[in-house]
């Protein structure tokens, strides 16, 4: 998934996408170990997508914490 597409999603959508991508990665691992997966590069793509989503979720969480602390001051 492209970076711009991920940046425009809400935290809830990102969490759902993260869950789906982790499930897809698990299936890719099973297919690779069973010698059914011909396009092994899809594993790396799924890992990178998971890392991007995790980073975005962490950034959104930090922004909300920071903005809440500014409101309380």
PDB file of N, CA and C in Angstrom:
ATOM      1  N   UNK A   1       0.839  -1.168   0.000  1.00  0.00           N
ATOM      2  CA  UNK A   1       0.000   0.000   0.000  1.00  0.00           C
ATOM      3  C   UNK A   1       0.890   1.239   0.000  1.00  0.00           C
ATOM      4  N   UNK A   2       0.455   2.261  -0.685  1.00  0.00           N
ATOM      5  CA  UNK A   2       1.243   3.486  -0.826  1.00  0.00           C
ATOM      6  C   UNK A   2       1.185   4.321   0.449  1.00  0.00           C
ATOM      7  N   UNK A   3       2.265   5.071   0.678  1.00  0.00           N
ATOM      8  CA  UNK A   3       2.402   5.900   1.865  1.00  0.00           C
ATOM      9  C   UNK A   3       1.281   6.940   1.966  1.00  0.00           C
ATOM     10  N   UNK A   4       0.969   7.592   0.862  1.00  0.00           N
ATOM     11  CA  UNK A   4      -0.064   8.630   0.859  1.00  0.00           C
ATOM     12  C   UNK A   4      -1.430   8.052   1.231  1.00  0.00           C
ATOM     13  N   UNK A   5      -1.708   6.847   0.771  1.00  0.00           N
ATOM     14  CA  UNK A   5      -2.978   6.203   1.113  1.00  0.00           C
ATOM     15  C   UNK A   5      -3.060   5.922   2.614  1.00  0.00           C
ATOM     16  N   UNK A   6      -1.948   5.497   3.185  1.00  0.00           N
ATOM     17  CA  UNK A   6      -1.926   5.178   4.604  1.00  0.00           C
ATOM     18  C   UNK A   6      -2.054   6.432   5.463  1.00  0.00           C
ATOM     19  N   UNK A   7      -1.412   7.522   5.046  1.00  0.00           N
ATOM     20  CA  UNK A   7      -1.435   8.749   5.841  1.00  0.00           C
ATOM     21  C   UNK A   7      -2.843   9.325   5.961  1.00  0.00           C
ATOM     22  N   UNK A   8      -3.676   9.081   4.985  1.00  0.00           N
ATOM     23  CA  UNK A   8      -5.019   9.653   4.975  1.00  0.00           C
ATOM     24  C   UNK A   8      -6.050   8.817   5.729  1.00  0.00           C
ATOM     25  N   UNK A   9      -5.634   7.695   6.280  1.00  0.00           N
ATOM     26  CA  UNK A   9      -6.578   6.829   6.990  1.00  0.00           C
ATOM     27  C   UNK A   9      -6.629   7.203   8.471  1.00  0.00           C
ATOM     28  N   UNK A  10      -7.761   6.899   9.092  1.00  0.00           N
ATOM     29  CA  UNK A  10      -7.918   7.160  10.523  1.00  0.00           C
ATOM     30  C   UNK A  10      -7.213   6.057  11.312  1.00  0.00           C
ATOM     31  N   UNK A  11      -7.101   6.275  12.614  1.00  0.00           N
ATOM     32  CA  UNK A  11      -6.429   5.298  13.477  1.00  0.00           C
ATOM     33  C   UNK A  11      -7.195   3.969  13.486  1.00  0.00           C
ATOM     34  N   UNK A  12      -8.509   4.045  13.488  1.00  0.00           N
ATOM     35  CA  UNK A  12      -9.325   2.822  13.490  1.00  0.00           C
ATOM     36  C   UNK A  12      -9.102   2.034  12.199  1.00  0.00           C
ATOM     37  N   UNK A  13      -9.087   2.720  11.070  1.00  0.00           N
ATOM     38  CA  UNK A  13      -8.854   2.049   9.788  1.00  0.00           C
ATOM     39  C   UNK A  13      -7.453   1.450   9.738  1.00  0.00           C
ATOM     40  N   UNK A  14      -6.478   2.159  10.306  1.00  0.00           N
ATOM     41  CA  UNK A  14      -5.114   1.649  10.320  1.00  0.00           C
ATOM     42  C   UNK A  14      -5.000   0.388  11.173  1.00  0.00           C
ATOM     43  N   UNK A  15      -5.702   0.363  12.303  1.00  0.00           N
ATOM     44  CA  UNK A  15      -5.672  -0.827  13.153  1.00  0.00           C
ATOM     45  C   UNK A  15      -6.279  -2.023  12.442  1.00  0.00           C
ATOM     46  N   UNK A  16      -7.377  -1.801  11.731  1.00  0.00           N
ATOM     47  CA  UNK A  16      -8.000  -2.886  10.971  1.00  0.00           C
ATOM     48  C   UNK A  16      -7.079  -3.375   9.860  1.00  0.00           C
ATOM     49  N   UNK A  17      -6.452  -2.428   9.176  1.00  0.00           N
ATOM     50  CA  UNK A  17      -5.536  -2.782   8.095  1.00  0.00           C
ATOM     51  C   UNK A  17      -4.320  -3.521   8.636  1.00  0.00           C
ATOM     52  N   UNK A  18      -3.842  -3.120   9.803  1.00  0.00           N
ATOM     53  CA  UNK A  18      -2.708  -3.793  10.428  1.00  0.00           C
ATOM     54  C   UNK A  18      -3.058  -5.240  10.745  1.00  0.00           C
ATOM     55  N   UNK A  19      -4.234  -5.450  11.273  1.00  0.00           N
ATOM     56  CA  UNK A  19      -4.675  -6.810  11.587  1.00  0.00           C
ATOM     57  C   UNK A  19      -4.776  -7.658  10.317  1.00  0.00           C
ATOM     58  N   UNK A  20      -5.363  -7.085   9.279  1.00  0.00           N
ATOM     59  CA  UNK A  20      -5.502  -7.813   8.011  1.00  0.00           C
ATOM     60  C   UNK A  20      -4.146  -8.138   7.401  1.00  0.00           C
ATOM     61  N   UNK A  21      -3.228  -7.200   7.465  1.00  0.00           N
ATOM     62  CA  UNK A  21      -1.910  -7.401   6.863  1.00  0.00           C
ATOM     63  C   UNK A  21      -1.116  -8.444   7.640  1.00  0.00           C
ATOM     64  N   UNK A  22      -1.244  -8.441   8.955  1.00  0.00           N
ATOM     65  CA  UNK A  22      -0.563  -9.466   9.753  1.00  0.00           C
ATOM     66  C   UNK A  22      -1.116 -10.856   9.433  1.00  0.00           C
ATOM     67  N   UNK A  23      -2.414 -10.940   9.252  1.00  0.00           N
ATOM     68  CA  UNK A  23      -3.028 -12.220   8.887  1.00  0.00           C
ATOM     69  C   UNK A  23      -2.539 -12.666   7.505  1.00  0.00           C
ATOM     70  N   UNK A  24      -2.457 -11.721   6.579  1.00  0.00           N
ATOM     71  CA  UNK A  24      -1.972 -12.047   5.233  1.00  0.00           C
ATOM     72  C   UNK A  24      -0.517 -12.495   5.279  1.00  0.00           C
ATOM     73  N   UNK A  25       0.296 -11.852   6.131  1.00  0.00           N
ATOM     74  CA  UNK A  25       1.705 -12.243   6.262  1.00  0.00           C
ATOM     75  C   UNK A  25       1.811 -13.663   6.805  1.00  0.00           C
ATOM     76  N   UNK A  26       0.977 -13.987   7.766  1.00  0.00           N
ATOM     77  CA  UNK A  26       0.986 -15.341   8.308  1.00  0.00           C
ATOM     78  C   UNK A  26       0.661 -16.356   7.213  1.00  0.00           C
ATOM     79  N   UNK A  27      -0.330 -16.055   6.394  1.00  0.00           N
ATOM     80  CA  UNK A  27      -0.675 -16.958   5.293  1.00  0.00           C
ATOM     81  C   UNK A  27       0.454 -17.056   4.275  1.00  0.00           C
ATOM     82  N   UNK A  28       1.143 -15.950   4.025  1.00  0.00           N
ATOM     83  CA  UNK A  28       2.274 -15.978   3.100  1.00  0.00           C
ATOM     84  C   UNK A  28       3.388 -16.877   3.633  1.00  0.00           C
ATOM     85  N   UNK A  29       3.645 -16.801   4.945  1.00  0.00           N
ATOM     86  CA  UNK A  29       4.655 -17.674   5.546  1.00  0.00           C
ATOM     87  C   UNK A  29       4.274 -19.142   5.381  1.00  0.00           C
ATOM     88  N   UNK A  30       3.016 -19.466   5.624  1.00  0.00           N
ATOM     89  CA  UNK A  30       2.569 -20.851   5.476  1.00  0.00           C
ATOM     90  C   UNK A  30       2.724 -21.325   4.033  1.00  0.00           C
ATOM     91  N   UNK A  31       2.370 -20.461   3.094  1.00  0.00           N
ATOM     92  CA  UNK A  31       2.503 -20.825   1.679  1.00  0.00           C
ATOM     93  C   UNK A  31       3.970 -20.996   1.297  1.00  0.00           C
ATOM     94  N   UNK A  32       4.835 -20.142   1.824  1.00  0.00           N
ATOM     95  CA  UNK A  32       6.263 -20.231   1.496  1.00  0.00           C
ATOM     96  C   UNK A  32       6.868 -21.518   2.051  1.00  0.00           C
ATOM     97  N   UNK A  33       6.488 -21.878   3.257  1.00  0.00           N
ATOM     98  CA  UNK A  33       7.032 -23.100   3.853  1.00  0.00           C
ATOM     99  C   UNK A  33       6.464 -24.352   3.201  1.00  0.00           C
ATOM    100  N   UNK A  34       5.297 -24.239   2.614  1.00  0.00           N
ATOM    101  CA  UNK A  34       4.706 -25.363   1.908  1.00  0.00           C
ATOM    102  C   UNK A  34       5.091 -25.404   0.438  1.00  0.00           C
ATOM    103  N   UNK A  35       6.000 -24.521   0.045  1.00  0.00           N
ATOM    104  CA  UNK A  35       6.486 -24.429  -1.345  1.00  0.00           C
ATOM    105  C   UNK A  35       5.362 -24.103  -2.335  1.00  0.00           C
ATOM    106  N   UNK A  36       4.340 -23.370  -1.879  1.00  0.00           N
ATOM    107  CA  UNK A  36       3.238 -22.990  -2.757  1.00  0.00           C
ATOM    108  C   UNK A  36       3.358 -21.557  -3.240  1.00  0.00           C
ATOM    109  N   UNK A  37       4.188 -20.776  -2.575  1.00  0.00           N
ATOM    110  CA  UNK A  37       4.301 -19.359  -2.897  1.00  0.00           C
ATOM    111  C   UNK A  37       5.408 -19.161  -3.927  1.00  0.00           C
ATOM    112  N   UNK A  38       5.035 -18.630  -5.079  1.00  0.00           N
ATOM    113  CA  UNK A  38       6.016 -18.380  -6.145  1.00  0.00           C
ATOM    114  C   UNK A  38       6.631 -16.991  -6.031  1.00  0.00           C
ATOM    115  N   UNK A  39       5.877 -16.038  -5.495  1.00  0.00           N
ATOM    116  CA  UNK A  39       6.348 -14.656  -5.396  1.00  0.00           C
ATOM    117  C   UNK A  39       6.723 -14.362  -3.947  1.00  0.00           C
ATOM    118  N   UNK A  40       7.918 -14.782  -3.582  1.00  0.00           N
ATOM    119  CA  UNK A  40       8.376 -14.672  -2.200  1.00  0.00           C
ATOM    120  C   UNK A  40       8.562 -13.217  -1.786  1.00  0.00           C
ATOM    121  N   UNK A  41       8.730 -12.315  -2.746  1.00  0.00           N
ATOM    122  CA  UNK A  41       8.921 -10.897  -2.415  1.00  0.00           C
ATOM    123  C   UNK A  41       7.696 -10.299  -1.738  1.00  0.00           C
ATOM    124  N   UNK A  42       6.559 -10.947  -1.859  1.00  0.00           N
ATOM    125  CA  UNK A  42       5.343 -10.443  -1.209  1.00  0.00           C
ATOM    126  C   UNK A  42       5.475 -10.464   0.318  1.00  0.00           C
ATOM    127  N   UNK A  43       6.305 -11.355   0.842  1.00  0.00           N
ATOM    128  CA  UNK A  43       6.547 -11.393   2.282  1.00  0.00           C
ATOM    129  C   UNK A  43       7.212 -10.092   2.723  1.00  0.00           C
ATOM    130  N   UNK A  44       8.223  -9.657   1.987  1.00  0.00           N
ATOM    131  CA  UNK A  44       8.907  -8.404   2.334  1.00  0.00           C
ATOM    132  C   UNK A  44       7.979  -7.206   2.195  1.00  0.00           C
ATOM    133  N   UNK A  45       7.132  -7.211   1.184  1.00  0.00           N
ATOM    134  CA  UNK A  45       6.190  -6.112   1.017  1.00  0.00           C
ATOM    135  C   UNK A  45       5.212  -6.039   2.189  1.00  0.00           C
ATOM    136  N   UNK A  46       4.749  -7.188   2.643  1.00  0.00           N
ATOM    137  CA  UNK A  46       3.822  -7.218   3.777  1.00  0.00           C
ATOM    138  C   UNK A  46       4.518  -6.725   5.044  1.00  0.00           C
ATOM    139  N   UNK A  47       5.765  -7.125   5.244  1.00  0.00           N
ATOM    140  CA  UNK A  47       6.514  -6.666   6.414  1.00  0.00           C
ATOM    141  C   UNK A  47       6.698  -5.148   6.399  1.00  0.00           C
ATOM    142  N   UNK A  48       7.020  -4.614   5.242  1.00  0.00           N
ATOM    143  CA  UNK A  48       7.214  -3.170   5.128  1.00  0.00           C
ATOM    144  C   UNK A  48       5.904  -2.423   5.365  1.00  0.00           C
ATOM    145  N   UNK A  49       4.815  -2.970   4.863  1.00  0.00           N
ATOM    146  CA  UNK A  49       3.517  -2.343   5.084  1.00  0.00           C
ATOM    147  C   UNK A  49       3.163  -2.349   6.566  1.00  0.00           C
ATOM    148  N   UNK A  50       3.434  -3.445   7.249  1.00  0.00           N
ATOM    149  CA  UNK A  50       3.180  -3.526   8.687  1.00  0.00           C
ATOM    150  C   UNK A  50       4.009  -2.493   9.436  1.00  0.00           C
ATOM    151  N   UNK A  51       5.264  -2.337   9.049  1.00  0.00           N
ATOM    152  CA  UNK A  51       6.131  -1.352   9.701  1.00  0.00           C
ATOM    153  C   UNK A  51       5.614   0.066   9.465  1.00  0.00           C
ATOM    154  N   UNK A  52       5.175   0.358   8.263  1.00  0.00           N
ATOM    155  CA  UNK A  52       4.640   1.692   7.958  1.00  0.00           C
ATOM    156  C   UNK A  52       3.379   1.983   8.780  1.00  0.00           C
ATOM    157  N   UNK A  53       2.491   1.014   8.838  1.00  0.00           N
ATOM    158  CA  UNK A  53       1.248   1.203   9.588  1.00  0.00           C
ATOM    159  C   UNK A  53       1.552   1.392  11.073  1.00  0.00           C
ATOM    160  N   UNK A  54       2.459   0.579  11.602  1.00  0.00           N
ATOM    161  CA  UNK A  54       2.814   0.690  13.015  1.00  0.00           C
ATOM    162  C   UNK A  54       3.408   2.058  13.323  1.00  0.00           C
ATOM    163  N   UNK A  55       4.256   2.543  12.443  1.00  0.00           N
ATOM    164  CA  UNK A  55       4.859   3.854  12.641  1.00  0.00           C
ATOM    165  C   UNK A  55       3.802   4.957  12.609  1.00  0.00           C
ATOM    166  N   UNK A  56       2.877   4.870  11.668  1.00  0.00           N
ATOM    167  CA  UNK A  56       1.816   5.868  11.595  1.00  0.00           C
ATOM    168  C   UNK A  56       0.932   5.842  12.842  1.00  0.00           C
ATOM    169  N   UNK A  57       0.598   4.657  13.322  1.00  0.00           N
ATOM    170  CA  UNK A  57      -0.217   4.552  14.528  1.00  0.00           C
ATOM    171  C   UNK A  57       0.513   5.147  15.728  1.00  0.00           C
ATOM    172  N   UNK A  58       1.805   4.875  15.818  1.00  0.00           N
ATOM    173  CA  UNK A  58       2.581   5.424  16.924  1.00  0.00           C
ATOM    174  C   UNK A  58       2.640   6.945  16.844  1.00  0.00           C
ATOM    175  N   UNK A  59       2.823   7.477  15.638  1.00  0.00           N
ATOM    176  CA  UNK A  59       2.867   8.929  15.464  1.00  0.00           C
ATOM    177  C   UNK A  59       1.521   9.570  15.798  1.00  0.00           C
ATOM    178  N   UNK A  60       0.434   8.952  15.355  1.00  0.00           N
ATOM    179  CA  UNK A  60      -0.889   9.498  15.660  1.00  0.00           C
ATOM    180  C   UNK A  60      -1.149   9.465  17.162  1.00  0.00           C
ATOM    181  N   UNK A  61      -0.696   8.413  17.827  1.00  0.00           N
ATOM    182  CA  UNK A  61      -0.863   8.303  19.266  1.00  0.00           C
ATOM    183  C   UNK A  61      -0.059   9.390  19.986  1.00  0.00           C
ATOM    184  N   UNK A  62       1.175   9.612  19.550  1.00  0.00           N
ATOM    185  CA  UNK A  62       2.011  10.640  20.171  1.00  0.00           C
ATOM    186  C   UNK A  62       1.434  12.031  19.937  1.00  0.00           C
ATOM    187  N   UNK A  63       0.884  12.263  18.763  1.00  0.00           N
ATOM    188  CA  UNK A  63       0.283  13.562  18.477  1.00  0.00           C
ATOM    189  C   UNK A  63      -0.928  13.811  19.364  1.00  0.00           C
ATOM    190  N   UNK A  64      -1.728  12.783  19.581  1.00  0.00           N
ATOM    191  CA  UNK A  64      -2.908  12.962  20.432  1.00  0.00           C
ATOM    192  C   UNK A  64      -2.493  13.196  21.882  1.00  0.00           C
ATOM    193  N   UNK A  65      -1.464  12.509  22.345  1.00  0.00           N
ATOM    194  CA  UNK A  65      -0.978  12.716  23.709  1.00  0.00           C
ATOM    195  C   UNK A  65      -0.426  14.135  23.853  1.00  0.00           C
ATOM    196  N   UNK A  66       0.330  14.567  22.857  1.00  0.00           N
ATOM    197  CA  UNK A  66       0.916  15.899  22.900  1.00  0.00           C
ATOM    198  C   UNK A  66      -0.162  16.981  22.865  1.00  0.00           C
ATOM    199  N   UNK A  67      -1.143  16.812  22.006  1.00  0.00           N
ATOM    200  CA  UNK A  67      -2.192  17.819  21.915  1.00  0.00           C
ATOM    201  C   UNK A  67      -3.051  17.836  23.192  1.00  0.00           C
ATOM    202  N   UNK A  68      -3.259  16.670  23.806  1.00  0.00           N
ATOM    203  CA  UNK A  68      -4.008  16.634  25.073  1.00  0.00           C
ATOM    204  C   UNK A  68      -3.241  17.301  26.201  1.00  0.00           C
ATOM    205  N   UNK A  69      -1.927  17.139  26.203  1.00  0.00           N
ATOM    206  CA  UNK A  69      -1.138  17.787  27.265  1.00  0.00           C
ATOM    207  C   UNK A  69      -1.132  19.310  27.079  1.00  0.00           C
ATOM    208  N   UNK A  70      -1.184  19.774  25.843  1.00  0.00           N
ATOM    209  CA  UNK A  70      -1.232  21.221  25.610  1.00  0.00           C
ATOM    210  C   UNK A  70      -2.573  21.794  26.046  1.00  0.00           C
ATOM    211  N   UNK A  71      -3.646  21.036  25.860  1.00  0.00           N
ATOM    212  CA  UNK A  71      -4.965  21.507  26.249  1.00  0.00           C
ATOM    213  C   UNK A  71      -5.100  21.605  27.763  1.00  0.00           C
ATOM    214  N   UNK A  72      -4.440  20.683  28.466  1.00  0.00           N
ATOM    215  CA  UNK A  72      -4.540  20.643  29.921  1.00  0.00           C
ATOM    216  C   UNK A  72      -3.717  21.741  30.591  1.00  0.00           C
ATOM    217  N   UNK A  73      -2.749  22.272  29.903  1.00  0.00           N
ATOM    218  CA  UNK A  73      -1.892  23.310  30.503  1.00  0.00           C
ATOM    219  C   UNK A  73      -2.525  24.658  30.473  1.00  0.00           C
TER     220      UNK A  73
END
